Amino acid sequence: MDGEARPGTVGVPLPGVELRLVEEDGSPVTSYDGETVGEIQVRGPNLFTEYLNRPDATAAAFTADGWFRTGDMAVRDADGPVRIVGRKATDLIKSGGYKIGAGEIENALLEHPGVREAAVTGEPDADLGERIVAWVVPADPQSPPGLEELAGHVAGRLAPHKRPRVLHHLDALPRNDMGKIMKRAL
């Protein structure tokens, strides 16, 4: 992405690259307000055209009109910069009628001095659809921050509905051989 650097964003699309955010039903997000989450779709002459010998994968990855489904969830500011908030498959939490990216909550948790590592997932909730669950490795295992403290910390940085409702303290987050957090193991 190109344009003026803004902390927390990946910028604006490069010249010649079209970018849009879409709802689950494929309709374009119409409100670029920095809060409305949608999947990033891109198209342009620089994009690959198909997966080699994999027509099924190509059909799943592209819309009928040529947009590539990235699987990245993002918000976009009114003046154009895009902020990625997670992956569609593992980082989108639907809670209380909101679509929430786990990545922005993880970043807020990591700003707390009592948090060394953090991961966020959703779990089923009868009232909310999903509730936000924080998995935290405390900076000081003898004095870990509590749910109320961390929920208040997150609500002070993000919209209040993005605060965790459940907290688990761990000695370490499960990681794969590449060092990526394995959220499905949480």
Protein backbone atom coordinates (compact mmCIF):
# COMPACT_ATOMS: atom_id res chain seq x y z
CA MET A 1 0.00 0.00 0.00
CA ASP A 2 1.09 3.52 -0.73
CA GLY A 3 0.44 6.98 0.72
CA GLU A 4 1.27 8.85 3.91
CA ALA A 5 2.19 6.53 6.77
CA ARG A 6 -0.34 6.38 9.60
CA PRO A 7 0.40 4.23 12.64
CA GLY A 8 -1.74 1.09 12.81
CA THR A 9 -2.73 1.14 9.13
CA VAL A 10 -1.38 -0.46 5.98
CA GLY A 11 -2.08 2.72 4.04
CA VAL A 12 -4.09 3.11 0.85
CA PRO A 13 -4.08 0.92 -2.28
CA LEU A 14 -1.24 1.27 -4.76
CA PRO A 15 -2.03 3.02 -8.04
CA GLY A 16 -3.90 0.64 -10.34
CA VAL A 17 -5.10 -1.58 -7.49
CA GLU A 18 -8.77 -1.50 -6.57
CA LEU A 19 -9.67 -2.36 -2.98
CA ARG A 20 -13.04 -2.76 -1.34
CA LEU A 21 -14.39 -4.12 1.91
CA VAL A 22 -17.38 -6.44 1.70
CA GLU A 23 -19.98 -7.81 4.08
CA GLU A 24 -20.47 -11.55 4.57
CA ASP A 25 -23.07 -11.61 1.80
CA GLY A 26 -20.58 -10.05 -0.63
CA SER A 27 -22.19 -6.62 -0.69
CA PRO A 28 -19.74 -3.71 -0.43
CA VAL A 29 -19.29 -1.97 2.91
CA THR A 30 -20.74 1.49 2.38
CA SER A 31 -19.50 3.17 5.55
CA TYR A 32 -15.78 3.87 5.72
CA ASP A 33 -15.88 5.09 9.31
CA GLY A 34 -12.89 3.30 10.81
CA GLU A 35 -15.24 0.92 12.70
CA THR A 36 -17.23 -1.10 10.14
CA VAL A 37 -15.43 -4.40 9.52
CA GLY A 38 -15.40 -6.11 6.14
CA GLU A 39 -13.29 -8.57 4.18
CA ILE A 40 -10.67 -7.02 1.92
CA GLN A 41 -11.14 -7.79 -1.76
CA VAL A 42 -8.71 -6.55 -4.41
CA ARG A 43 -8.41 -6.55 -8.18
CA GLY A 44 -6.02 -5.11 -10.70
CA PRO A 45 -3.67 -5.96 -13.55
CA ASN A 46 -0.91 -6.99 -11.13
CA LEU A 47 -2.97 -9.77 -9.53
CA PHE A 48 -2.53 -13.43 -10.43
CA THR A 49 -5.31 -14.88 -12.57
CA GLU A 50 -5.66 -18.42 -11.27
CA TYR A 51 -4.20 -21.22 -9.17
CA LEU A 52 -2.24 -23.61 -11.42
CA ASN A 53 -4.31 -26.71 -12.18
CA ARG A 54 -6.73 -25.85 -9.35
CA PRO A 55 -9.96 -24.51 -10.84
CA ASP A 56 -11.82 -25.24 -7.59
CA ALA A 57 -9.40 -23.05 -5.59
CA THR A 58 -9.58 -20.33 -8.23
CA ALA A 59 -13.39 -20.34 -8.14
CA ALA A 60 -13.37 -20.11 -4.33
CA ALA A 61 -10.82 -17.29 -4.29
CA PHE A 62 -12.37 -14.98 -6.89
CA THR A 63 -15.79 -13.39 -7.27
CA ALA A 64 -17.59 -13.64 -10.61
CA ASP A 65 -16.50 -10.09 -11.45
CA GLY A 66 -12.81 -10.67 -10.73
CA TRP A 67 -12.32 -9.54 -7.12
CA PHE A 68 -9.83 -11.62 -5.11
CA ARG A 69 -11.05 -12.60 -1.64
CA THR A 70 -8.01 -12.05 0.63
CA GLY A 71 -9.50 -13.45 3.84
CA ASP A 72 -8.20 -10.38 5.70
CA MET A 73 -10.72 -8.43 7.75
CA ALA A 74 -10.26 -4.68 7.95
CA VAL A 75 -11.76 -1.29 8.60
CA ARG A 76 -11.19 1.76 6.43
CA ASP A 77 -11.07 5.41 7.43
CA ALA A 78 -13.09 7.98 5.49
CA ASP A 79 -9.89 9.39 3.94
CA GLY A 80 -8.76 5.98 2.67
CA PRO A 81 -6.23 4.26 5.00
CA VAL A 82 -6.97 0.61 5.77
CA ARG A 83 -6.40 -1.09 9.14
CA ILE A 84 -6.31 -4.90 9.15
CA VAL A 85 -8.05 -6.32 12.22
CA GLY A 86 -7.58 -10.06 11.63
CA ARG A 87 -8.26 -13.04 9.41
CA LYS A 88 -11.78 -14.05 8.43
CA ALA A 89 -11.29 -17.71 9.34
CA THR A 90 -9.82 -17.21 12.82
CA ASP A 91 -10.04 -13.59 13.90
CA LEU A 92 -13.61 -12.45 13.25
CA ILE A 93 -15.84 -12.46 16.31
CA LYS A 94 -19.57 -11.73 16.00
CA SER A 95 -20.74 -10.35 19.32
CA GLY A 96 -23.88 -8.42 20.14
CA GLY A 97 -24.56 -7.63 16.48
CA TYR A 98 -21.02 -6.34 15.87
CA LYS A 99 -18.27 -7.83 13.76
CA ILE A 100 -15.08 -7.49 15.79
CA GLY A 101 -11.52 -8.16 14.69
CA ALA A 102 -9.51 -10.06 17.30
CA GLY A 103 -6.26 -8.37 16.22
CA GLU A 104 -7.20 -4.91 17.44
CA ILE A 105 -8.18 -6.29 20.86
CA GLU A 106 -4.91 -8.23 21.04
CA ASN A 107 -3.00 -5.03 20.27
CA ALA A 108 -4.89 -3.15 23.00
CA LEU A 109 -4.16 -5.93 25.51
CA LEU A 110 -0.46 -5.88 24.59
CA GLU A 111 -0.36 -2.17 25.50
CA HIS A 112 -1.15 -3.12 29.12
CA PRO A 113 2.05 -3.36 31.21
CA GLY A 114 0.84 -6.55 32.90
CA VAL A 115 0.50 -8.45 29.59
CA ARG A 116 3.47 -10.16 27.93
CA GLU A 117 1.50 -12.06 25.24
CA ALA A 118 -2.15 -12.09 24.23
CA ALA A 119 -4.54 -13.87 21.91
CA VAL A 120 -8.26 -13.28 21.48
CA THR A 121 -10.93 -15.72 20.35
CA GLY A 122 -14.69 -15.95 20.44
CA GLU A 123 -16.80 -18.58 22.13
CA PRO A 124 -20.54 -19.22 21.86
CA ASP A 125 -22.80 -17.05 23.99
CA ALA A 126 -26.59 -17.41 24.17
CA ASP A 127 -27.18 -13.63 24.36
CA LEU A 128 -24.31 -12.15 22.34
CA GLY A 129 -23.81 -14.84 19.68
CA GLU A 130 -20.14 -14.97 20.65
CA ARG A 131 -18.34 -13.51 23.64
CA ILE A 132 -14.80 -12.20 23.50
CA VAL A 133 -12.24 -14.40 25.26
CA ALA A 134 -8.75 -13.13 26.12
CA TRP A 135 -5.87 -15.58 26.51
CA VAL A 136 -3.07 -13.79 28.33
CA VAL A 137 0.47 -14.62 29.37
CA PRO A 138 1.08 -12.20 32.25
CA ALA A 139 4.29 -10.19 32.50
CA ASP A 140 4.42 -11.19 36.18
CA PRO A 141 2.84 -14.62 36.76
CA GLN A 142 2.72 -13.92 40.51
CA SER A 143 0.50 -10.87 39.97
CA PRO A 144 -1.55 -11.31 36.77
CA PRO A 145 -4.01 -8.59 35.73
CA GLY A 146 -7.66 -9.49 36.27
CA LEU A 147 -10.57 -9.49 33.86
CA GLU A 148 -12.05 -6.22 35.14
CA GLU A 149 -8.70 -4.43 34.80
CA LEU A 150 -8.05 -5.71 31.27
CA ALA A 151 -11.66 -5.19 30.12
CA GLY A 152 -11.46 -1.58 31.32
CA HIS A 153 -8.11 -1.13 29.61
CA VAL A 154 -9.50 -2.38 26.27
CA ALA A 155 -12.75 -0.37 26.61
CA GLY A 156 -10.64 2.76 27.20
CA ARG A 157 -8.83 2.27 23.87
CA LEU A 158 -11.54 0.73 21.69
CA ALA A 159 -15.33 0.74 21.65
CA PRO A 160 -16.69 -0.71 24.92
CA HIS A 161 -18.36 -3.65 23.13
CA LYS A 162 -14.88 -4.91 22.19
CA ARG A 163 -13.83 -5.63 25.78
CA PRO A 164 -13.14 -9.25 26.75
CA ARG A 165 -15.84 -11.04 28.74
CA VAL A 166 -13.69 -14.04 29.71
CA LEU A 167 -10.01 -14.18 30.70
CA HIS A 168 -7.66 -17.15 30.79
CA HIS A 169 -4.11 -16.85 32.13
CA LEU A 170 -1.53 -19.11 30.47
CA ASP A 171 2.16 -19.83 30.94
CA ALA A 172 2.62 -19.65 27.16
CA LEU A 173 0.48 -19.37 24.04
CA PRO A 174 0.44 -22.45 21.79
CA ARG A 175 2.56 -21.81 18.69
CA ASN A 176 3.34 -23.72 15.52
CA ASP A 177 6.84 -24.33 14.13
CA MET A 178 6.74 -20.92 12.44
CA GLY A 179 6.01 -19.20 15.77
CA LYS A 180 2.42 -18.29 14.88
CA ILE A 181 -0.19 -18.57 17.62
CA MET A 182 -2.42 -21.60 17.09
CA LYS A 183 -5.81 -20.15 18.06
CA ARG A 184 -7.63 -23.38 17.30
CA ALA A 185 -5.68 -24.97 20.16
CA LEU A 186 -6.96 -22.41 22.68
